[in-house]
Amino acid sequence: MSASFIPGYETTFVTRVDMTDDQLNQLKEKVKTIITSFGGELVFSEDWGKRKLAYPIQKETRGHYTYFVYTGKAGIVKEIERNLKIDDHLLRYLSINLSPEFDKEKFLKNPESPIMKKYEPKEGDRGYGNDRGYGSYRDRDSY
């Protein structure tokens, strides 16, 4: 491994839907400035848009999701999370350490985030297909 590798992280945060586009852009810019100030680099950024939450958070049922993949020195995640906690429009955030020696070229070959991949059921998956005859339309005259 080369010495040029530095740790890679991903952060996903959910904000309130009533947050304006300008406010959301300011929050994104704030995160980007923190990344550069810690000697990091923004590798990938994706706006997942407004989605229904799995359960209500602070009486909100919908949220705006944003996803960042970045590199940086120690303490970068703590600083990003500290700044996210200050924002009143933030509902949730999650940061994950991708790898202590993150290879951004390898990541960029397949930049699609896991949540945005379309799920295609495989044959034999429970609840899908017509393995038991349920869920298909049958004409009454065929009995």
N, C-alpha and C. Protein backbone atom coordinates (compact mmCIF):
# COMPACT_ATOMS: atom_id res chain seq x y z
N MET A 1 0.84 -1.19 0.00
CA MET A 1 0.00 0.00 0.00
C MET A 1 0.89 1.25 0.00
N SER A 2 0.42 2.22 -0.68
CA SER A 2 1.15 3.48 -0.79
C SER A 2 0.90 4.34 0.44
N ALA A 3 1.83 5.22 0.73
CA ALA A 3 1.70 6.11 1.89
C ALA A 3 0.71 7.24 1.62
N SER A 4 0.24 7.36 0.37
CA SER A 4 -0.67 8.45 0.03
C SER A 4 -2.11 8.18 0.47
N PHE A 5 -2.38 6.97 0.94
CA PHE A 5 -3.73 6.66 1.38
C PHE A 5 -3.99 7.28 2.75
N ILE A 6 -5.16 7.90 2.89
CA ILE A 6 -5.59 8.41 4.19
C ILE A 6 -6.98 7.86 4.47
N PRO A 7 -7.44 7.92 5.71
CA PRO A 7 -8.73 7.33 6.04
C PRO A 7 -9.89 7.93 5.24
N GLY A 8 -10.85 7.06 4.90
CA GLY A 8 -12.04 7.49 4.17
C GLY A 8 -13.27 7.32 5.03
N TYR A 9 -14.19 8.24 4.90
CA TYR A 9 -15.40 8.24 5.71
C TYR A 9 -16.61 8.54 4.83
N GLU A 10 -17.78 8.16 5.31
CA GLU A 10 -19.02 8.58 4.68
C GLU A 10 -19.94 9.11 5.77
N THR A 11 -20.64 10.17 5.44
CA THR A 11 -21.61 10.76 6.36
C THR A 11 -22.91 10.97 5.60
N THR A 12 -23.98 10.51 6.20
CA THR A 12 -25.32 10.73 5.67
C THR A 12 -26.09 11.51 6.71
N PHE A 13 -26.76 12.57 6.29
CA PHE A 13 -27.58 13.30 7.25
C PHE A 13 -28.95 13.58 6.68
N VAL A 14 -29.93 13.67 7.59
CA VAL A 14 -31.32 13.90 7.23
C VAL A 14 -31.74 15.23 7.84
N THR A 15 -32.28 16.11 7.01
CA THR A 15 -32.75 17.41 7.48
C THR A 15 -34.26 17.50 7.30
N ARG A 16 -34.84 18.49 7.95
CA ARG A 16 -36.28 18.71 7.82
C ARG A 16 -36.62 19.11 6.40
N VAL A 17 -37.82 18.74 5.96
CA VAL A 17 -38.26 19.03 4.60
C VAL A 17 -38.50 20.53 4.42
N ASP A 18 -38.89 21.23 5.49
CA ASP A 18 -39.19 22.66 5.36
C ASP A 18 -37.94 23.53 5.26
N MET A 19 -36.77 22.93 5.27
CA MET A 19 -35.52 23.67 5.11
C MET A 19 -35.42 24.16 3.66
N THR A 20 -35.10 25.44 3.47
CA THR A 20 -35.02 25.99 2.12
C THR A 20 -33.76 25.47 1.41
N ASP A 21 -33.75 25.60 0.09
CA ASP A 21 -32.60 25.16 -0.69
C ASP A 21 -31.34 25.94 -0.32
N ASP A 22 -31.50 27.23 -0.04
CA ASP A 22 -30.35 28.05 0.35
C ASP A 22 -29.77 27.57 1.68
N GLN A 23 -30.63 27.26 2.64
CA GLN A 23 -30.16 26.77 3.93
C GLN A 23 -29.45 25.43 3.78
N LEU A 24 -30.01 24.55 2.93
CA LEU A 24 -29.39 23.25 2.70
C LEU A 24 -28.04 23.41 2.02
N ASN A 25 -27.95 24.31 1.05
CA ASN A 25 -26.67 24.56 0.38
C ASN A 25 -25.64 25.14 1.34
N GLN A 26 -26.07 26.01 2.26
CA GLN A 26 -25.16 26.54 3.27
C GLN A 26 -24.62 25.43 4.17
N LEU A 27 -25.49 24.50 4.55
CA LEU A 27 -25.06 23.38 5.39
C LEU A 27 -24.07 22.50 4.64
N LYS A 28 -24.33 22.23 3.36
CA LYS A 28 -23.41 21.44 2.55
C LYS A 28 -22.06 22.14 2.42
N GLU A 29 -22.09 23.45 2.18
CA GLU A 29 -20.84 24.22 2.06
C GLU A 29 -20.07 24.21 3.37
N LYS A 30 -20.79 24.27 4.48
CA LYS A 30 -20.14 24.23 5.80
C LYS A 30 -19.39 22.91 5.98
N VAL A 31 -20.04 21.80 5.58
CA VAL A 31 -19.39 20.48 5.68
C VAL A 31 -18.18 20.43 4.75
N LYS A 32 -18.31 20.95 3.54
CA LYS A 32 -17.18 20.95 2.59
C LYS A 32 -16.01 21.76 3.13
N THR A 33 -16.29 22.89 3.78
CA THR A 33 -15.20 23.72 4.34
C THR A 33 -14.49 22.98 5.47
N ILE A 34 -15.24 22.27 6.28
CA ILE A 34 -14.63 21.50 7.37
C ILE A 34 -13.72 20.42 6.79
N ILE A 35 -14.19 19.77 5.73
CA ILE A 35 -13.38 18.71 5.10
C ILE A 35 -12.06 19.27 4.59
N THR A 36 -12.10 20.41 3.90
CA THR A 36 -10.85 20.99 3.38
C THR A 36 -9.97 21.54 4.49
N SER A 37 -10.57 22.05 5.57
CA SER A 37 -9.76 22.59 6.66
C SER A 37 -9.01 21.50 7.42
N PHE A 38 -9.48 20.26 7.35
CA PHE A 38 -8.79 19.14 7.99
C PHE A 38 -7.90 18.40 7.00
N GLY A 39 -7.58 19.04 5.91
CA GLY A 39 -6.68 18.44 4.93
C GLY A 39 -7.31 17.29 4.17
N GLY A 40 -8.61 17.30 4.10
CA GLY A 40 -9.32 16.22 3.42
C GLY A 40 -9.77 16.61 2.04
N GLU A 41 -10.45 15.68 1.40
CA GLU A 41 -10.94 15.90 0.05
C GLU A 41 -12.34 15.28 -0.06
N LEU A 42 -13.24 16.02 -0.65
CA LEU A 42 -14.58 15.50 -0.90
C LEU A 42 -14.50 14.60 -2.12
N VAL A 43 -14.73 13.31 -1.92
CA VAL A 43 -14.60 12.33 -3.00
C VAL A 43 -15.90 12.22 -3.79
N PHE A 44 -17.02 12.21 -3.08
CA PHE A 44 -18.31 11.97 -3.72
C PHE A 44 -19.40 12.62 -2.89
N SER A 45 -20.34 13.25 -3.55
CA SER A 45 -21.46 13.89 -2.87
C SER A 45 -22.72 13.57 -3.65
N GLU A 46 -23.78 13.25 -2.93
CA GLU A 46 -25.02 12.90 -3.60
C GLU A 46 -26.21 13.41 -2.79
N ASP A 47 -27.17 13.96 -3.51
CA ASP A 47 -28.39 14.44 -2.87
C ASP A 47 -29.47 13.41 -3.14
N TRP A 48 -29.92 12.73 -2.08
CA TRP A 48 -30.91 11.67 -2.24
C TRP A 48 -32.33 12.22 -2.27
N GLY A 49 -32.49 13.48 -1.96
CA GLY A 49 -33.80 14.11 -2.05
C GLY A 49 -34.69 13.85 -0.85
N LYS A 50 -35.96 14.17 -1.03
CA LYS A 50 -36.93 14.04 0.05
C LYS A 50 -37.55 12.65 0.01
N ARG A 51 -37.55 12.01 1.19
CA ARG A 51 -38.07 10.66 1.30
C ARG A 51 -38.88 10.51 2.58
N LYS A 52 -39.72 9.51 2.59
CA LYS A 52 -40.50 9.22 3.79
C LYS A 52 -39.59 8.51 4.79
N LEU A 53 -39.68 8.93 6.05
CA LEU A 53 -38.89 8.30 7.09
C LEU A 53 -39.52 6.98 7.51
N ALA A 54 -38.71 6.06 7.99
CA ALA A 54 -39.22 4.76 8.43
C ALA A 54 -40.10 4.91 9.67
N TYR A 55 -39.79 5.90 10.48
CA TYR A 55 -40.58 6.20 11.68
C TYR A 55 -40.46 7.69 11.96
N PRO A 56 -41.44 8.27 12.64
CA PRO A 56 -41.37 9.72 12.90
C PRO A 56 -40.17 10.09 13.79
N ILE A 57 -39.51 11.16 13.41
CA ILE A 57 -38.40 11.71 14.19
C ILE A 57 -38.75 13.15 14.50
N GLN A 58 -38.85 13.49 15.76
CA GLN A 58 -39.22 14.84 16.19
C GLN A 58 -40.49 15.31 15.48
N LYS A 59 -41.46 14.43 15.41
CA LYS A 59 -42.78 14.67 14.81
C LYS A 59 -42.71 14.92 13.30
N GLU A 60 -41.61 14.57 12.66
CA GLU A 60 -41.46 14.70 11.22
C GLU A 60 -41.61 13.31 10.59
N THR A 61 -42.32 13.23 9.46
CA THR A 61 -42.50 11.95 8.77
C THR A 61 -41.72 11.89 7.46
N ARG A 62 -41.20 13.03 7.01
CA ARG A 62 -40.39 13.09 5.79
C ARG A 62 -39.09 13.81 6.09
N GLY A 63 -38.07 13.51 5.31
CA GLY A 63 -36.79 14.16 5.50
C GLY A 63 -36.03 14.28 4.19
N HIS A 64 -35.06 15.19 4.17
CA HIS A 64 -34.21 15.39 2.99
C HIS A 64 -32.86 14.75 3.29
N TYR A 65 -32.47 13.75 2.48
CA TYR A 65 -31.24 12.99 2.71
C TYR A 65 -30.09 13.54 1.87
N THR A 66 -28.91 13.62 2.49
CA THR A 66 -27.69 14.05 1.80
C THR A 66 -26.56 13.10 2.18
N TYR A 67 -25.72 12.75 1.21
CA TYR A 67 -24.68 11.73 1.38
C TYR A 67 -23.33 12.30 0.94
N PHE A 68 -22.31 12.14 1.79
CA PHE A 68 -20.95 12.60 1.48
C PHE A 68 -19.97 11.45 1.69
N VAL A 69 -18.99 11.33 0.79
CA VAL A 69 -17.85 10.44 0.97
C VAL A 69 -16.62 11.34 0.91
N TYR A 70 -15.74 11.23 1.89
CA TYR A 70 -14.60 12.13 1.97
C TYR A 70 -13.43 11.47 2.67
N THR A 71 -12.27 12.09 2.55
CA THR A 71 -11.07 11.66 3.25
C THR A 71 -10.63 12.79 4.17
N GLY A 72 -9.83 12.46 5.15
CA GLY A 72 -9.34 13.50 6.03
C GLY A 72 -8.54 12.96 7.19
N LYS A 73 -7.92 13.88 7.91
CA LYS A 73 -7.11 13.53 9.07
C LYS A 73 -7.98 13.22 10.28
N ALA A 74 -7.35 12.76 11.32
CA ALA A 74 -8.06 12.42 12.55
C ALA A 74 -8.81 13.63 13.09
N GLY A 75 -10.00 13.40 13.59
CA GLY A 75 -10.79 14.47 14.16
C GLY A 75 -11.79 15.10 13.19
N ILE A 76 -11.72 14.74 11.93
CA ILE A 76 -12.61 15.35 10.94
C ILE A 76 -14.07 14.97 11.18
N VAL A 77 -14.31 13.70 11.52
CA VAL A 77 -15.68 13.24 11.73
C VAL A 77 -16.27 13.91 12.96
N LYS A 78 -15.47 14.01 14.00
CA LYS A 78 -15.94 14.65 15.23
C LYS A 78 -16.33 16.11 14.98
N GLU A 79 -15.55 16.80 14.19
CA GLU A 79 -15.84 18.20 13.89
C GLU A 79 -17.08 18.36 13.01
N ILE A 80 -17.23 17.48 12.02
CA ILE A 80 -18.42 17.52 11.17
C ILE A 80 -19.66 17.25 12.00
N GLU A 81 -19.62 16.22 12.84
CA GLU A 81 -20.77 15.89 13.67
C GLU A 81 -21.08 16.99 14.67
N ARG A 82 -20.05 17.64 15.21
CA ARG A 82 -20.27 18.75 16.15
C ARG A 82 -21.02 19.88 15.46
N ASN A 83 -20.64 20.19 14.22
CA ASN A 83 -21.31 21.25 13.47
C ASN A 83 -22.71 20.86 13.04
N LEU A 84 -22.92 19.59 12.73
CA LEU A 84 -24.25 19.13 12.36
C LEU A 84 -25.21 19.20 13.55
N LYS A 85 -24.72 18.89 14.74
CA LYS A 85 -25.56 18.92 15.94
C LYS A 85 -26.09 20.33 16.22
N ILE A 86 -25.32 21.33 15.84
CA ILE A 86 -25.70 22.72 16.11
C ILE A 86 -26.91 23.15 15.26
N ASP A 87 -27.04 22.59 14.06
CA ASP A 87 -28.09 22.99 13.13
C ASP A 87 -29.46 22.54 13.64
N ASP A 88 -30.42 23.46 13.68
CA ASP A 88 -31.77 23.16 14.17
C ASP A 88 -32.58 22.30 13.21
N HIS A 89 -32.23 22.33 11.93
CA HIS A 89 -33.00 21.60 10.93
C HIS A 89 -32.58 20.15 10.79
N LEU A 90 -31.53 19.75 11.46
CA LEU A 90 -31.02 18.39 11.33
C LEU A 90 -31.84 17.42 12.16
N LEU A 91 -32.26 16.32 11.55
CA LEU A 91 -33.01 15.28 12.26
C LEU A 91 -32.08 14.15 12.72
N ARG A 92 -31.26 13.62 11.82
CA ARG A 92 -30.34 12.53 12.14
C ARG A 92 -29.09 12.64 11.27
N TYR A 93 -28.02 11.99 11.75
CA TYR A 93 -26.80 11.87 10.95
C TYR A 93 -26.14 10.55 11.30
N LEU A 94 -25.34 10.05 10.38
CA LEU A 94 -24.60 8.81 10.61
C LEU A 94 -23.28 8.92 9.85
N SER A 95 -22.19 8.69 10.56
CA SER A 95 -20.87 8.70 9.94
C SER A 95 -20.24 7.32 10.09
N ILE A 96 -19.60 6.86 9.03
CA ILE A 96 -19.00 5.53 9.02
C ILE A 96 -17.57 5.64 8.50
N ASN A 97 -16.65 4.91 9.15
CA ASN A 97 -15.28 4.83 8.69
C ASN A 97 -15.23 3.76 7.60
N LEU A 98 -14.99 4.16 6.37
CA LEU A 98 -14.97 3.21 5.26
C LEU A 98 -13.73 2.34 5.29
N SER A 99 -12.59 2.97 5.50
CA SER A 99 -11.34 2.22 5.50
C SER A 99 -10.22 3.11 6.05
N PRO A 100 -9.28 2.53 6.81
CA PRO A 100 -8.15 3.34 7.29
C PRO A 100 -7.21 3.73 6.15
N GLU A 101 -7.22 2.97 5.06
CA GLU A 101 -6.43 3.30 3.87
C GLU A 101 -7.39 3.32 2.68
N PHE A 102 -8.08 4.44 2.54
CA PHE A 102 -9.14 4.58 1.54
C PHE A 102 -8.56 4.86 0.17
N ASP A 103 -8.97 4.10 -0.83
CA ASP A 103 -8.53 4.29 -2.21
C ASP A 103 -9.66 4.94 -2.99
N LYS A 104 -9.55 6.24 -3.24
CA LYS A 104 -10.65 6.96 -3.88
C LYS A 104 -10.85 6.55 -5.33
N GLU A 105 -9.79 6.16 -6.03
CA GLU A 105 -9.93 5.73 -7.43
C GLU A 105 -10.77 4.46 -7.50
N LYS A 106 -10.53 3.55 -6.58
CA LYS A 106 -11.31 2.31 -6.54
C LYS A 106 -12.78 2.61 -6.23
N PHE A 107 -13.01 3.55 -5.33
CA PHE A 107 -14.38 3.93 -4.98
C PHE A 107 -15.09 4.58 -6.15
N LEU A 108 -14.37 5.45 -6.88
CA LEU A 108 -14.99 6.19 -7.97
C LEU A 108 -15.31 5.33 -9.19
N LYS A 109 -14.75 4.11 -9.25
CA LYS A 109 -15.10 3.21 -10.34
C LYS A 109 -16.56 2.80 -10.24
N ASN A 110 -17.08 2.71 -9.01
CA ASN A 110 -18.48 2.37 -8.78
C ASN A 110 -19.04 3.35 -7.74
N PRO A 111 -19.29 4.61 -8.14
CA PRO A 111 -19.67 5.62 -7.17
C PRO A 111 -21.11 5.56 -6.69
N GLU A 112 -21.93 4.68 -7.27
CA GLU A 112 -23.33 4.66 -6.89
C GLU A 112 -23.46 4.23 -5.43
N SER A 113 -24.15 5.01 -4.66
CA SER A 113 -24.32 4.72 -3.26
C SER A 113 -25.24 3.51 -3.07
N PRO A 114 -25.05 2.75 -2.01
CA PRO A 114 -25.83 1.54 -1.81
C PRO A 114 -27.33 1.78 -1.73
N ILE A 115 -27.74 2.89 -1.14
CA ILE A 115 -29.17 3.14 -0.97
C ILE A 115 -29.86 3.44 -2.29
N MET A 116 -29.14 3.98 -3.25
CA MET A 116 -29.75 4.38 -4.50
C MET A 116 -29.80 3.25 -5.53
N LYS A 117 -29.16 2.10 -5.25
CA LYS A 117 -29.23 0.97 -6.17
C LYS A 117 -30.65 0.42 -6.15
N LYS A 118 -31.14 0.10 -7.31
CA LYS A 118 -32.49 -0.45 -7.41
C LYS A 118 -32.43 -1.92 -7.02
N TYR A 119 -33.30 -2.31 -6.11
CA TYR A 119 -33.35 -3.70 -5.67
C TYR A 119 -34.10 -4.52 -6.70
N GLU A 120 -33.47 -5.56 -7.17
CA GLU A 120 -34.11 -6.47 -8.09
C GLU A 120 -34.14 -7.84 -7.42
N PRO A 121 -35.34 -8.34 -7.11
CA PRO A 121 -35.44 -9.62 -6.41
C PRO A 121 -34.90 -10.76 -7.28
N LYS A 122 -34.25 -11.70 -6.61
CA LYS A 122 -33.72 -12.86 -7.30
C LYS A 122 -34.73 -13.99 -7.20
N GLU A 123 -34.61 -14.93 -8.09
CA GLU A 123 -35.52 -16.07 -8.06
C GLU A 123 -35.29 -16.85 -6.77
N GLY A 124 -36.35 -17.19 -6.11
CA GLY A 124 -36.25 -17.92 -4.85
C GLY A 124 -36.35 -17.02 -3.63
N ASP A 125 -36.31 -15.68 -3.81
CA ASP A 125 -36.51 -14.78 -2.68
C ASP A 125 -37.92 -14.94 -2.15
N ARG A 126 -38.07 -14.92 -0.85
CA ARG A 126 -39.41 -15.07 -0.26
C ARG A 126 -40.24 -13.84 -0.54
N GLY A 127 -41.49 -14.07 -0.87
CA GLY A 127 -42.41 -12.96 -1.06
C GLY A 127 -42.40 -12.37 -2.46
N TYR A 128 -41.57 -12.89 -3.33
CA TYR A 128 -41.52 -12.37 -4.69
C TYR A 128 -41.81 -13.50 -5.67
N GLY A 129 -42.23 -13.12 -6.82
CA GLY A 129 -42.46 -14.10 -7.86
C GLY A 129 -43.78 -14.82 -7.68
N ASN A 130 -43.90 -15.92 -8.36
CA ASN A 130 -45.15 -16.66 -8.35
C ASN A 130 -44.87 -18.11 -7.98
N ASP A 131 -44.01 -18.33 -6.97
CA ASP A 131 -43.61 -19.69 -6.64
C ASP A 131 -44.74 -20.51 -6.04
N ARG A 132 -45.76 -19.89 -5.43
CA ARG A 132 -46.86 -20.64 -4.83
C ARG A 132 -48.19 -20.34 -5.53
N GLY A 133 -48.16 -19.53 -6.53
CA GLY A 133 -49.39 -19.22 -7.23
C GLY A 133 -50.14 -18.05 -6.63
N TYR A 134 -49.65 -17.49 -5.54
CA TYR A 134 -50.32 -16.36 -4.92
C TYR A 134 -50.02 -15.08 -5.69
N GLY A 135 -50.96 -14.20 -5.69
CA GLY A 135 -50.72 -12.89 -6.25
C GLY A 135 -50.90 -12.78 -7.74
N SER A 136 -51.13 -13.89 -8.40
CA SER A 136 -51.32 -13.80 -9.85
C SER A 136 -52.81 -13.76 -10.16
N TYR A 137 -53.15 -13.21 -11.28
CA TYR A 137 -54.54 -13.09 -11.68
C TYR A 137 -54.96 -14.36 -12.40
N ARG A 138 -56.07 -14.94 -11.96
CA ARG A 138 -56.61 -16.12 -12.62
C ARG A 138 -58.05 -15.85 -12.99
N ASP A 139 -58.43 -16.30 -14.12
CA ASP A 139 -59.81 -16.16 -14.56
C ASP A 139 -60.68 -17.19 -13.83
N ARG A 140 -61.85 -16.80 -13.42
CA ARG A 140 -62.74 -17.72 -12.70
C ARG A 140 -63.16 -18.91 -13.56
N ASP A 141 -63.23 -18.70 -14.85
CA ASP A 141 -63.67 -19.77 -15.74
C ASP A 141 -62.62 -20.87 -15.89
N SER A 142 -61.40 -20.63 -15.46
CA SER A 142 -60.35 -21.63 -15.64
C SER A 142 -60.39 -22.70 -14.55
N TYR A 143 -61.25 -22.59 -13.55
CA TYR A 143 -61.31 -23.60 -12.48
C TYR A 143 -62.05 -24.81 -12.91
